[in-house]
């Protein structure tokens, strides 16, 4: 039991960049190297343009996603994909969540 007292709680490994449900869901939707356009992400995440745009901007500033713009059929489009750093950070965040759950899933009284 003394060993557990010296080990930091897994919550200290959570990444605040994923504190927003939309940012968390965005990283989950992008998967491993998948690139999706803004419209597809909006539909998958069931959110509006503004919250999605803010989430992309936040994750882009953290270097967790890359966004590129282009034109298709005369219309401006934006595609988003996760970076290796973003995928690694998201995997570490998920591992911390698993560890938190494991701590509370001990023997039932």
C-alpha atoms as a PDB file:
ATOM      1  CA  UNK A   1       0.000   0.000   0.000  1.00  0.00           C
ATOM      2  CA  UNK A   2       2.925   2.332   0.702  1.00  0.00           C
ATOM      3  CA  UNK A   3       4.033   2.009  -2.927  1.00  0.00           C
ATOM      4  CA  UNK A   4       0.677   3.364  -4.112  1.00  0.00           C
ATOM      5  CA  UNK A   5       1.119   6.413  -1.887  1.00  0.00           C
ATOM      6  CA  UNK A   6       4.289   7.414  -3.773  1.00  0.00           C
ATOM      7  CA  UNK A   7       2.869   6.822  -7.234  1.00  0.00           C
ATOM      8  CA  UNK A   8       1.052   9.845  -8.680  1.00  0.00           C
ATOM      9  CA  UNK A   9      -2.642   9.378  -9.316  1.00  0.00           C
ATOM     10  CA  UNK A  10      -3.297   8.622 -13.013  1.00  0.00           C
ATOM     11  CA  UNK A  11      -5.398  11.790 -13.290  1.00  0.00           C
ATOM     12  CA  UNK A  12      -2.100  13.693 -13.370  1.00  0.00           C
ATOM     13  CA  UNK A  13      -1.481  12.086 -16.772  1.00  0.00           C
ATOM     14  CA  UNK A  14      -4.724  13.398 -18.292  1.00  0.00           C
ATOM     15  CA  UNK A  15      -4.196  15.898 -21.110  1.00  0.00           C
ATOM     16  CA  UNK A  16      -6.226  19.094 -20.685  1.00  0.00           C
ATOM     17  CA  UNK A  17      -6.352  19.454 -24.474  1.00  0.00           C
ATOM     18  CA  UNK A  18      -8.951  16.662 -24.403  1.00  0.00           C
ATOM     19  CA  UNK A  19     -11.029  18.156 -21.554  1.00  0.00           C
ATOM     20  CA  UNK A  20     -13.638  19.371 -24.039  1.00  0.00           C
ATOM     21  CA  UNK A  21     -16.003  16.602 -25.200  1.00  0.00           C
ATOM     22  CA  UNK A  22     -15.790  17.930 -28.756  1.00  0.00           C
ATOM     23  CA  UNK A  23     -11.974  17.908 -28.803  1.00  0.00           C
ATOM     24  CA  UNK A  24     -11.958  14.429 -27.255  1.00  0.00           C
ATOM     25  CA  UNK A  25     -14.493  13.166 -29.803  1.00  0.00           C
ATOM     26  CA  UNK A  26     -12.634  14.851 -32.662  1.00  0.00           C
ATOM     27  CA  UNK A  27      -9.430  12.968 -31.843  1.00  0.00           C
ATOM     28  CA  UNK A  28     -11.346   9.709 -31.507  1.00  0.00           C
ATOM     29  CA  UNK A  29     -13.032  10.285 -34.889  1.00  0.00           C
ATOM     30  CA  UNK A  30      -9.759  10.957 -36.675  1.00  0.00           C
ATOM     31  CA  UNK A  31      -8.354   7.576 -35.728  1.00  0.00           C
ATOM     32  CA  UNK A  32      -4.921   6.465 -36.822  1.00  0.00           C
ATOM     33  CA  UNK A  33      -3.898   8.700 -39.701  1.00  0.00           C
ATOM     34  CA  UNK A  34      -7.448   9.176 -40.993  1.00  0.00           C
ATOM     35  CA  UNK A  35      -8.237  12.474 -42.698  1.00  0.00           C
ATOM     36  CA  UNK A  36     -11.794  13.776 -42.670  1.00  0.00           C
ATOM     37  CA  UNK A  37     -13.322  16.908 -44.066  1.00  0.00           C
ATOM     38  CA  UNK A  38     -15.017  19.521 -41.913  1.00  0.00           C
ATOM     39  CA  UNK A  39     -18.532  18.561 -43.012  1.00  0.00           C
ATOM     40  CA  UNK A  40     -17.996  14.872 -42.219  1.00  0.00           C
ATOM     41  CA  UNK A  41     -16.578  15.745 -38.805  1.00  0.00           C
ATOM     42  CA  UNK A  42     -19.518  18.044 -38.105  1.00  0.00           C
ATOM     43  CA  UNK A  43     -21.931  15.211 -38.891  1.00  0.00           C
ATOM     44  CA  UNK A  44     -19.990  12.573 -36.948  1.00  0.00           C
ATOM     45  CA  UNK A  45     -19.644  14.796 -33.877  1.00  0.00           C
ATOM     46  CA  UNK A  46     -23.155  16.226 -34.210  1.00  0.00           C
ATOM     47  CA  UNK A  47     -22.028  19.746 -33.456  1.00  0.00           C
ATOM     48  CA  UNK A  48     -22.178  23.159 -35.043  1.00  0.00           C
ATOM     49  CA  UNK A  49     -19.582  24.875 -37.193  1.00  0.00           C
ATOM     50  CA  UNK A  50     -18.336  27.241 -34.492  1.00  0.00           C
ATOM     51  CA  UNK A  51     -17.632  24.647 -31.755  1.00  0.00           C
ATOM     52  CA  UNK A  52     -15.948  22.366 -34.282  1.00  0.00           C
ATOM     53  CA  UNK A  53     -13.857  25.184 -35.700  1.00  0.00           C
ATOM     54  CA  UNK A  54     -12.766  26.179 -32.174  1.00  0.00           C
ATOM     55  CA  UNK A  55     -11.862  22.567 -31.356  1.00  0.00           C
ATOM     56  CA  UNK A  56      -9.782  22.241 -34.524  1.00  0.00           C
ATOM     57  CA  UNK A  57      -8.035  25.545 -33.823  1.00  0.00           C
ATOM     58  CA  UNK A  58      -7.239  24.490 -30.241  1.00  0.00           C
ATOM     59  CA  UNK A  59      -5.873  21.091 -31.265  1.00  0.00           C
ATOM     60  CA  UNK A  60      -3.944  22.672 -34.126  1.00  0.00           C
ATOM     61  CA  UNK A  61      -2.269  25.090 -31.677  1.00  0.00           C
ATOM     62  CA  UNK A  62      -1.274  22.064 -29.570  1.00  0.00           C
ATOM     63  CA  UNK A  63       0.090  20.465 -32.767  1.00  0.00           C
ATOM     64  CA  UNK A  64      -2.277  17.508 -32.320  1.00  0.00           C
ATOM     65  CA  UNK A  65      -4.033  17.991 -35.679  1.00  0.00           C
ATOM     66  CA  UNK A  66      -3.233  19.466 -39.060  1.00  0.00           C
ATOM     67  CA  UNK A  67      -5.853  21.240 -41.137  1.00  0.00           C
ATOM     68  CA  UNK A  68      -5.478  21.883 -44.835  1.00  0.00           C
ATOM     69  CA  UNK A  69      -7.709  23.910 -47.086  1.00  0.00           C
ATOM     70  CA  UNK A  70      -8.544  23.360 -50.701  1.00  0.00           C
ATOM     71  CA  UNK A  71     -11.236  23.876 -53.293  1.00  0.00           C
ATOM     72  CA  UNK A  72     -13.523  21.158 -54.619  1.00  0.00           C
ATOM     73  CA  UNK A  73     -16.148  22.008 -57.217  1.00  0.00           C
ATOM     74  CA  UNK A  74     -15.608  25.712 -56.674  1.00  0.00           C
ATOM     75  CA  UNK A  75     -16.224  25.397 -52.925  1.00  0.00           C
ATOM     76  CA  UNK A  76     -13.678  25.910 -50.190  1.00  0.00           C
ATOM     77  CA  UNK A  77     -13.118  22.775 -48.090  1.00  0.00           C
ATOM     78  CA  UNK A  78     -11.105  21.960 -44.979  1.00  0.00           C
ATOM     79  CA  UNK A  79      -9.628  18.552 -44.190  1.00  0.00           C
ATOM     80  CA  UNK A  80      -8.303  17.585 -40.778  1.00  0.00           C
ATOM     81  CA  UNK A  81      -5.997  14.783 -39.684  1.00  0.00           C
ATOM     82  CA  UNK A  82      -4.239  13.932 -36.460  1.00  0.00           C
ATOM     83  CA  UNK A  83      -0.487  14.199 -36.080  1.00  0.00           C
ATOM     84  CA  UNK A  84       1.692  11.496 -34.557  1.00  0.00           C
ATOM     85  CA  UNK A  85       2.148  13.725 -31.515  1.00  0.00           C
ATOM     86  CA  UNK A  86      -1.633  14.084 -31.244  1.00  0.00           C
ATOM     87  CA  UNK A  87      -2.236  10.343 -31.580  1.00  0.00           C
ATOM     88  CA  UNK A  88       0.419   9.611 -28.955  1.00  0.00           C
ATOM     89  CA  UNK A  89      -1.053  12.197 -26.567  1.00  0.00           C
ATOM     90  CA  UNK A  90      -4.564  10.815 -27.102  1.00  0.00           C
ATOM     91  CA  UNK A  91      -3.364   7.243 -26.474  1.00  0.00           C
ATOM     92  CA  UNK A  92      -1.693   8.371 -23.227  1.00  0.00           C
ATOM     93  CA  UNK A  93      -4.888  10.177 -22.204  1.00  0.00           C
ATOM     94  CA  UNK A  94      -6.936   7.020 -22.831  1.00  0.00           C
ATOM     95  CA  UNK A  95      -4.436   4.954 -20.836  1.00  0.00           C
ATOM     96  CA  UNK A  96      -4.757   7.368 -17.909  1.00  0.00           C
ATOM     97  CA  UNK A  97      -8.549   7.013 -18.070  1.00  0.00           C
ATOM     98  CA  UNK A  98      -8.211   3.210 -18.039  1.00  0.00           C
ATOM     99  CA  UNK A  99      -5.922   3.408 -15.001  1.00  0.00           C
ATOM    100  CA  UNK A 100      -8.381   5.650 -13.173  1.00  0.00           C
ATOM    101  CA  UNK A 101     -11.178   3.152 -13.844  1.00  0.00           C
ATOM    102  CA  UNK A 102      -8.958   0.254 -12.740  1.00  0.00           C
ATOM    103  CA  UNK A 103      -8.293   1.996  -9.413  1.00  0.00           C
ATOM    104  CA  UNK A 104     -12.003   2.206  -8.686  1.00  0.00           C
ATOM    105  CA  UNK A 105     -12.862  -1.247 -10.042  1.00  0.00           C
ATOM    106  CA  UNK A 106     -11.258  -3.040  -7.094  1.00  0.00           C
ATOM    107  CA  UNK A 107     -13.032  -5.618  -4.959  1.00  0.00           C
ATOM    108  CA  UNK A 108     -16.631  -4.766  -4.186  1.00  0.00           C
ATOM    109  CA  UNK A 109     -17.652  -4.649  -0.527  1.00  0.00           C
END
